[in-house]
């Protein structure tokens, strides 16, 4: 773990209880006078605290110093992801977070199952755990769009990842890209994009939606 997330990080004194206390002092076995690093994931600062007191249910931390240390991808990437089974989203979300994806907008595309509903509280918890492990200093943004048309009104420069024989995805040309669900895009959705805004991979293999998302992130960010 690179740091501990605490929304109140930055205060002169903090009291840790509950899960954070159990993890740090029963699992990691930290002791009095140990140094701990915390973030609030809002200001880009890394806070150094000293453990001044520990008992069975709580611990007191005293702030020693803070430093600006932003850990994020070198370029922004916004993914518009047509909604798939939330269980499959949860499996790859930590990897996308570690690679530095800045934002994901989940879109109800024509072939998305309307019964699938992303649980944003659960996804944010996954992102917090991933960020603590990877060192990422800024939370990934999550949002929801009712359909592809409304998404494109807000992000008109978006690319579409689809089958393309000539226009292969390459580093540096994409900031926002839309990735389909199982079964791909409806022909009416493909028609919303100009041909030059439809990109593909140089492979004859068909990727699952979650595989395509990871491939795009690694291609554009790493």
Protein backbone atom coordinates (compact mmCIF):
# COMPACT_ATOMS: atom_id res chain seq x y z
CA UNK A 1 0.00 0.00 0.00
CA UNK A 2 1.48 3.34 -1.11
CA UNK A 3 -0.74 5.45 1.18
CA UNK A 4 -3.96 5.37 3.18
CA UNK A 5 -6.98 7.24 1.87
CA UNK A 6 -8.75 9.46 4.40
CA UNK A 7 -11.06 12.25 3.33
CA UNK A 8 -9.82 14.36 6.27
CA UNK A 9 -6.13 13.95 5.47
CA UNK A 10 -4.46 17.34 5.97
CA UNK A 11 -5.84 18.05 9.43
CA UNK A 12 -3.25 18.51 12.21
CA UNK A 13 -4.59 15.46 14.05
CA UNK A 14 -6.57 12.43 12.86
CA UNK A 15 -8.29 9.61 14.71
CA UNK A 16 -8.38 6.27 12.88
CA UNK A 17 -11.10 3.77 13.75
CA UNK A 18 -12.91 0.82 12.16
CA UNK A 19 -11.46 -0.85 9.06
CA UNK A 20 -8.49 1.51 8.75
CA UNK A 21 -7.50 0.85 12.36
CA UNK A 22 -7.84 -2.92 11.99
CA UNK A 23 -5.84 -3.01 8.76
CA UNK A 24 -2.96 -0.80 9.90
CA UNK A 25 -2.52 -2.03 13.44
CA UNK A 26 -3.75 -5.64 13.36
CA UNK A 27 -2.88 -6.71 9.82
CA UNK A 28 0.11 -4.47 9.02
CA UNK A 29 1.10 -4.31 12.72
CA UNK A 30 2.15 -0.67 12.77
CA UNK A 31 3.26 0.66 16.16
CA UNK A 32 3.45 3.96 18.00
CA UNK A 33 5.92 6.42 16.43
CA UNK A 34 5.60 4.77 13.00
CA UNK A 35 5.30 7.01 9.95
CA UNK A 36 2.16 6.75 7.80
CA UNK A 37 1.36 8.47 4.50
CA UNK A 38 -2.18 9.61 3.74
CA UNK A 39 -4.06 11.29 0.90
CA UNK A 40 -7.51 12.82 0.54
CA UNK A 41 -7.45 12.39 -3.29
CA UNK A 42 -8.58 15.98 -3.78
CA UNK A 43 -5.54 18.26 -3.57
CA UNK A 44 -2.66 16.16 -4.94
CA UNK A 45 -0.82 16.37 -1.61
CA UNK A 46 0.85 13.50 0.21
CA UNK A 47 0.61 13.90 4.00
CA UNK A 48 3.12 12.38 6.42
CA UNK A 49 1.75 11.50 9.86
CA UNK A 50 3.26 10.01 12.99
CA UNK A 51 1.31 7.50 15.11
CA UNK A 52 1.18 9.09 18.57
CA UNK A 53 -1.25 6.77 20.36
CA UNK A 54 -2.85 3.36 19.78
CA UNK A 55 -5.52 1.49 21.72
CA UNK A 56 -7.76 -1.46 20.84
CA UNK A 57 -10.27 0.55 18.82
CA UNK A 58 -8.59 3.74 17.68
CA UNK A 59 -5.30 5.44 16.94
CA UNK A 60 -4.24 9.09 16.91
CA UNK A 61 -2.05 10.50 14.15
CA UNK A 62 -0.18 13.81 14.18
CA UNK A 63 0.64 15.65 10.95
CA UNK A 64 4.35 16.19 10.34
CA UNK A 65 4.49 17.62 6.81
CA UNK A 66 2.86 17.59 3.38
CA UNK A 67 4.26 17.68 -0.12
CA UNK A 68 2.75 18.08 -3.58
CA UNK A 69 3.18 14.76 -5.35
CA UNK A 70 0.81 14.05 -8.22
CA UNK A 71 0.88 10.51 -9.58
CA UNK A 72 -1.17 10.12 -12.76
CA UNK A 73 -0.91 9.28 -16.44
CA UNK A 74 1.04 11.65 -18.67
CA UNK A 75 -2.03 12.26 -20.88
CA UNK A 76 -5.82 12.23 -20.35
CA UNK A 77 -8.02 9.39 -21.57
CA UNK A 78 -11.79 9.43 -21.33
CA UNK A 79 -13.59 6.17 -22.16
CA UNK A 80 -17.24 6.01 -23.10
CA UNK A 81 -18.11 2.41 -22.25
CA UNK A 82 -21.40 0.90 -23.36
CA UNK A 83 -22.87 -0.76 -20.29
CA UNK A 84 -22.04 -4.46 -19.79
CA UNK A 85 -22.49 -6.84 -16.85
CA UNK A 86 -21.29 -4.93 -13.75
CA UNK A 87 -19.38 -8.01 -12.58
CA UNK A 88 -17.18 -7.79 -15.68
CA UNK A 89 -16.69 -4.06 -15.17
CA UNK A 90 -15.55 -4.65 -11.60
CA UNK A 91 -12.96 -7.22 -12.69
CA UNK A 92 -11.07 -4.83 -14.99
CA UNK A 93 -11.70 -1.51 -13.25
CA UNK A 94 -8.57 -1.77 -11.02
CA UNK A 95 -6.41 -2.36 -14.12
CA UNK A 96 -7.90 0.66 -15.89
CA UNK A 97 -7.29 2.74 -12.77
CA UNK A 98 -3.67 1.60 -12.54
CA UNK A 99 -3.07 2.46 -16.19
CA UNK A 100 -4.29 6.00 -15.55
CA UNK A 101 -7.68 6.27 -17.27
CA UNK A 102 -8.95 9.70 -16.25
CA UNK A 103 -12.69 9.19 -16.71
CA UNK A 104 -15.25 6.53 -17.65
CA UNK A 105 -18.75 7.38 -18.82
CA UNK A 106 -21.04 4.36 -18.87
CA UNK A 107 -23.47 4.59 -21.80
CA UNK A 108 -26.72 2.73 -22.34
CA UNK A 109 -26.16 1.77 -25.96
CA UNK A 110 -28.78 0.01 -28.02
CA UNK A 111 -27.37 -3.45 -27.28
CA UNK A 112 -26.75 -2.82 -23.58
CA UNK A 113 -29.05 -4.75 -21.26
CA UNK A 114 -31.14 -2.17 -19.44
CA UNK A 115 -31.23 -4.37 -16.34
CA UNK A 116 -27.50 -3.77 -15.85
CA UNK A 117 -27.00 -0.83 -13.51
CA UNK A 118 -23.49 0.24 -12.40
CA UNK A 119 -23.22 0.50 -8.61
CA UNK A 120 -21.19 3.70 -8.30
CA UNK A 121 -20.61 3.36 -4.56
CA UNK A 122 -19.16 -0.11 -5.05
CA UNK A 123 -17.07 1.03 -8.03
CA UNK A 124 -15.69 3.98 -6.06
CA UNK A 125 -14.66 1.61 -3.25
CA UNK A 126 -12.80 -0.53 -5.81
CA UNK A 127 -11.09 2.59 -7.16
CA UNK A 128 -10.04 3.71 -3.68
CA UNK A 129 -8.42 0.35 -2.94
CA UNK A 130 -6.71 0.33 -6.33
CA UNK A 131 -5.43 3.89 -5.91
CA UNK A 132 -3.95 3.12 -2.48
CA UNK A 133 -2.08 0.16 -3.96
CA UNK A 134 -0.90 1.84 -7.17
CA UNK A 135 -0.11 5.26 -5.69
CA UNK A 136 -2.53 7.14 -7.98
CA UNK A 137 -3.17 10.58 -6.49
CA UNK A 138 -6.38 11.62 -8.30
CA UNK A 139 -9.62 9.65 -8.33
CA UNK A 140 -10.97 8.40 -11.63
CA UNK A 141 -14.22 10.16 -12.56
CA UNK A 142 -17.34 8.07 -13.22
CA UNK A 143 -20.59 9.14 -14.84
CA UNK A 144 -23.59 7.75 -16.72
CA UNK A 145 -25.13 8.68 -20.08
CA UNK A 146 -28.62 7.62 -21.14
CA UNK A 147 -27.63 6.94 -24.77
CA UNK A 148 -24.88 7.46 -27.31
CA UNK A 149 -26.56 10.48 -28.89
CA UNK A 150 -26.54 12.45 -25.63
CA UNK A 151 -22.94 11.41 -24.97
CA UNK A 152 -21.83 12.74 -28.36
CA UNK A 153 -23.58 16.06 -27.79
CA UNK A 154 -21.33 16.58 -24.78
CA UNK A 155 -18.21 15.02 -26.30
CA UNK A 156 -18.48 15.64 -30.08
CA UNK A 157 -14.81 14.87 -30.81
CA UNK A 158 -15.12 11.26 -29.63
CA UNK A 159 -13.73 8.34 -31.60
CA UNK A 160 -15.46 4.97 -31.91
CA UNK A 161 -13.59 1.68 -31.52
CA UNK A 162 -15.01 -0.61 -34.17
CA UNK A 163 -13.89 -2.78 -37.04
CA UNK A 164 -11.68 -0.71 -39.32
CA UNK A 165 -9.32 -1.98 -41.99
CA UNK A 166 -7.44 1.25 -42.60
CA UNK A 167 -7.78 3.53 -39.58
CA UNK A 168 -5.91 1.76 -36.78
CA UNK A 169 -5.78 3.21 -33.31
CA UNK A 170 -2.45 4.86 -32.54
CA UNK A 171 -0.87 6.63 -29.61
CA UNK A 172 -1.52 10.33 -29.24
CA UNK A 173 -4.55 10.75 -31.50
CA UNK A 174 -7.37 9.90 -29.08
CA UNK A 175 -8.57 11.62 -25.92
CA UNK A 176 -12.15 10.31 -25.83
CA UNK A 177 -13.17 6.95 -27.28
CA UNK A 178 -16.37 4.91 -27.21
CA UNK A 179 -16.23 1.13 -26.77
CA UNK A 180 -19.20 -1.12 -27.42
CA UNK A 181 -20.86 -3.80 -25.35
CA UNK A 182 -21.21 -7.49 -26.22
CA UNK A 183 -22.62 -7.71 -29.74
CA UNK A 184 -21.01 -4.43 -30.77
CA UNK A 185 -22.69 -1.28 -32.01
CA UNK A 186 -26.04 -0.98 -33.74
CA UNK A 187 -25.73 0.28 -37.32
CA UNK A 188 -27.57 3.44 -36.32
CA UNK A 189 -24.92 4.16 -33.71
CA UNK A 190 -22.09 3.59 -36.18
CA UNK A 191 -23.75 6.13 -38.49
CA UNK A 192 -23.35 8.82 -35.80
CA UNK A 193 -19.58 8.84 -36.42
CA UNK A 194 -17.73 10.14 -39.45
CA UNK A 195 -15.60 7.38 -41.05
CA UNK A 196 -12.36 9.09 -40.00
CA UNK A 197 -13.53 8.95 -36.36
CA UNK A 198 -13.92 5.16 -36.39
CA UNK A 199 -10.75 3.34 -35.37
CA UNK A 200 -9.83 -0.30 -34.91
CA UNK A 201 -7.04 -2.68 -33.95
CA UNK A 202 -4.72 -4.33 -36.46
CA UNK A 203 -5.93 -7.84 -35.61
CA UNK A 204 -8.45 -10.31 -37.06
CA UNK A 205 -9.45 -11.41 -33.55
CA UNK A 206 -12.70 -10.32 -31.93
CA UNK A 207 -12.23 -8.87 -28.44
CA UNK A 208 -14.70 -8.94 -25.59
CA UNK A 209 -15.79 -5.51 -24.41
CA UNK A 210 -13.66 -5.62 -21.26
CA UNK A 211 -10.64 -6.87 -23.25
CA UNK A 212 -11.06 -4.02 -25.73
CA UNK A 213 -11.22 -1.45 -22.92
CA UNK A 214 -7.95 -2.70 -21.42
CA UNK A 215 -6.30 -2.87 -24.84
CA UNK A 216 -7.28 0.71 -25.62
CA UNK A 217 -6.02 2.00 -22.27
CA UNK A 218 -2.68 0.22 -22.57
CA UNK A 219 -2.24 1.30 -26.21
CA UNK A 220 -2.93 4.97 -25.51
CA UNK A 221 -1.45 5.43 -22.03
CA UNK A 222 1.47 3.06 -21.53
